[in-house]
Amino acid sequence: MEKRRGKYDYLSAIRNRMVPRIGEHWRTRVASDKSENPLHNDEGLILKMMGHPTLLQGLIAEMDAGYNFMYKNPYTDRTYTYDDIGLILERLFAEKSYGE
């Protein structure tokens, strides 16, 4: 995985057709692609990085939407949100077993 620079992952946003309208903010989260990961439909990649001016606002909106569980992957340094803590436990098991 390439190391992202800056405070927002524009590449992942654009790959998911998430271009904001004029005057709007770029979204905080992109949902996982169901075709790539059918078991984790409720997983979302956080696109804003530490230091982004609206990161906290976005994470609060995530919690309001029901994505109350967050996980930071130690191998990729990326943060994900979930609505079910069981999905985080699956991730931890996979990383311990396979290193991903």
Protein backbone atom coordinates (compact mmCIF):
# COMPACT_ATOMS: atom_id res chain seq x y z
CA MET A 1 0.00 0.00 0.00
CA GLU A 2 1.32 3.38 -0.93
CA LYS A 3 1.87 5.93 1.83
CA ARG A 4 -0.66 8.77 1.59
CA ARG A 5 0.60 12.33 1.96
CA GLY A 6 -1.43 15.28 3.02
CA LYS A 7 -4.56 15.38 5.12
CA TYR A 8 -7.08 13.77 2.76
CA ASP A 9 -7.09 10.65 0.60
CA TYR A 10 -8.26 12.22 -2.66
CA LEU A 11 -7.27 9.15 -4.67
CA SER A 12 -9.67 6.84 -2.81
CA ALA A 13 -12.39 9.49 -2.92
CA ILE A 14 -12.10 9.97 -6.68
CA ARG A 15 -11.91 6.20 -7.29
CA ASN A 16 -15.28 5.98 -5.54
CA ARG A 17 -16.78 8.87 -7.54
CA MET A 18 -16.97 11.12 -4.50
CA VAL A 19 -16.38 14.59 -5.89
CA PRO A 20 -18.15 17.31 -3.86
CA ARG A 21 -20.43 19.92 -5.31
CA ILE A 22 -19.26 23.53 -5.26
CA GLY A 23 -19.15 24.83 -1.69
CA GLU A 24 -19.41 21.39 -0.07
CA HIS A 25 -16.79 19.47 1.91
CA TRP A 26 -15.23 16.25 0.71
CA ARG A 27 -16.84 13.33 2.54
CA THR A 28 -15.17 11.78 5.58
CA ARG A 29 -15.81 8.11 4.78
CA VAL A 30 -16.14 5.79 1.84
CA ALA A 31 -17.97 2.49 2.30
CA SER A 32 -16.14 -0.72 1.42
CA ASP A 33 -16.77 -2.08 -2.04
CA LYS A 34 -19.24 -4.95 -1.62
CA SER A 35 -17.78 -6.78 -4.62
CA GLU A 36 -14.30 -6.80 -3.05
CA ASN A 37 -15.37 -7.50 0.51
CA PRO A 38 -18.92 -8.93 0.71
CA LEU A 39 -18.64 -9.79 4.40
CA HIS A 40 -17.82 -6.25 5.50
CA ASN A 41 -20.57 -4.16 3.92
CA ASP A 42 -20.65 -1.93 7.00
CA GLU A 43 -16.93 -1.15 6.94
CA GLY A 44 -15.91 2.34 5.94
CA LEU A 45 -12.50 3.83 5.19
CA ILE A 46 -11.89 7.23 6.80
CA LEU A 47 -10.50 9.54 4.12
CA LYS A 48 -9.51 12.46 6.36
CA MET A 49 -6.15 12.16 8.11
CA MET A 50 -4.96 13.45 11.47
CA GLY A 51 -4.65 17.22 11.31
CA HIS A 52 -7.48 17.66 8.81
CA PRO A 53 -9.55 20.67 9.93
CA THR A 54 -12.92 18.86 9.74
CA LEU A 55 -11.83 15.37 10.88
CA LEU A 56 -13.49 15.64 14.29
CA GLN A 57 -16.70 16.97 12.75
CA GLY A 58 -16.71 14.03 10.33
CA LEU A 59 -16.07 11.43 13.04
CA ILE A 60 -18.92 12.84 15.13
CA ALA A 61 -21.19 12.53 12.08
CA GLU A 62 -20.03 8.91 11.72
CA MET A 63 -21.08 8.16 15.28
CA ASP A 64 -24.42 9.89 14.73
CA ALA A 65 -24.93 7.61 11.70
CA GLY A 66 -24.37 4.53 13.87
CA TYR A 67 -20.73 3.76 13.04
CA ASN A 68 -19.59 3.80 16.66
CA PHE A 69 -16.59 1.48 16.41
CA MET A 70 -13.31 2.69 14.96
CA TYR A 71 -10.19 0.73 14.17
CA LYS A 72 -6.75 1.84 12.98
CA ASN A 73 -4.85 -0.75 10.96
CA PRO A 74 -1.25 -0.81 12.25
CA TYR A 75 0.12 -2.04 8.91
CA THR A 76 -1.47 0.60 6.67
CA ASP A 77 -2.03 3.37 9.25
CA ARG A 78 -5.59 3.75 7.92
CA THR A 79 -8.69 4.18 10.06
CA TYR A 80 -11.98 2.33 9.49
CA THR A 81 -15.43 2.68 11.06
CA TYR A 82 -17.94 -0.08 11.72
CA ASP A 83 -21.42 -0.45 13.14
CA ASP A 84 -20.57 -3.84 14.69
CA ILE A 85 -17.62 -4.54 16.99
CA GLY A 86 -17.53 -8.13 15.71
CA LEU A 87 -16.10 -6.87 12.41
CA ILE A 88 -13.17 -5.31 14.26
CA LEU A 89 -12.48 -8.59 16.05
CA GLU A 90 -12.44 -10.37 12.66
CA ARG A 91 -9.91 -7.82 11.39
CA LEU A 92 -7.66 -8.30 14.41
CA PHE A 93 -7.74 -12.07 13.96
CA ALA A 94 -6.89 -11.77 10.26
CA GLU A 95 -3.97 -9.43 10.96
CA LYS A 96 -2.58 -11.68 13.66
CA SER A 97 -2.91 -14.73 11.41
CA TYR A 98 -1.94 -13.26 8.05
CA GLY A 99 -0.34 -9.87 8.73
CA GLU A 100 -2.84 -7.87 6.65
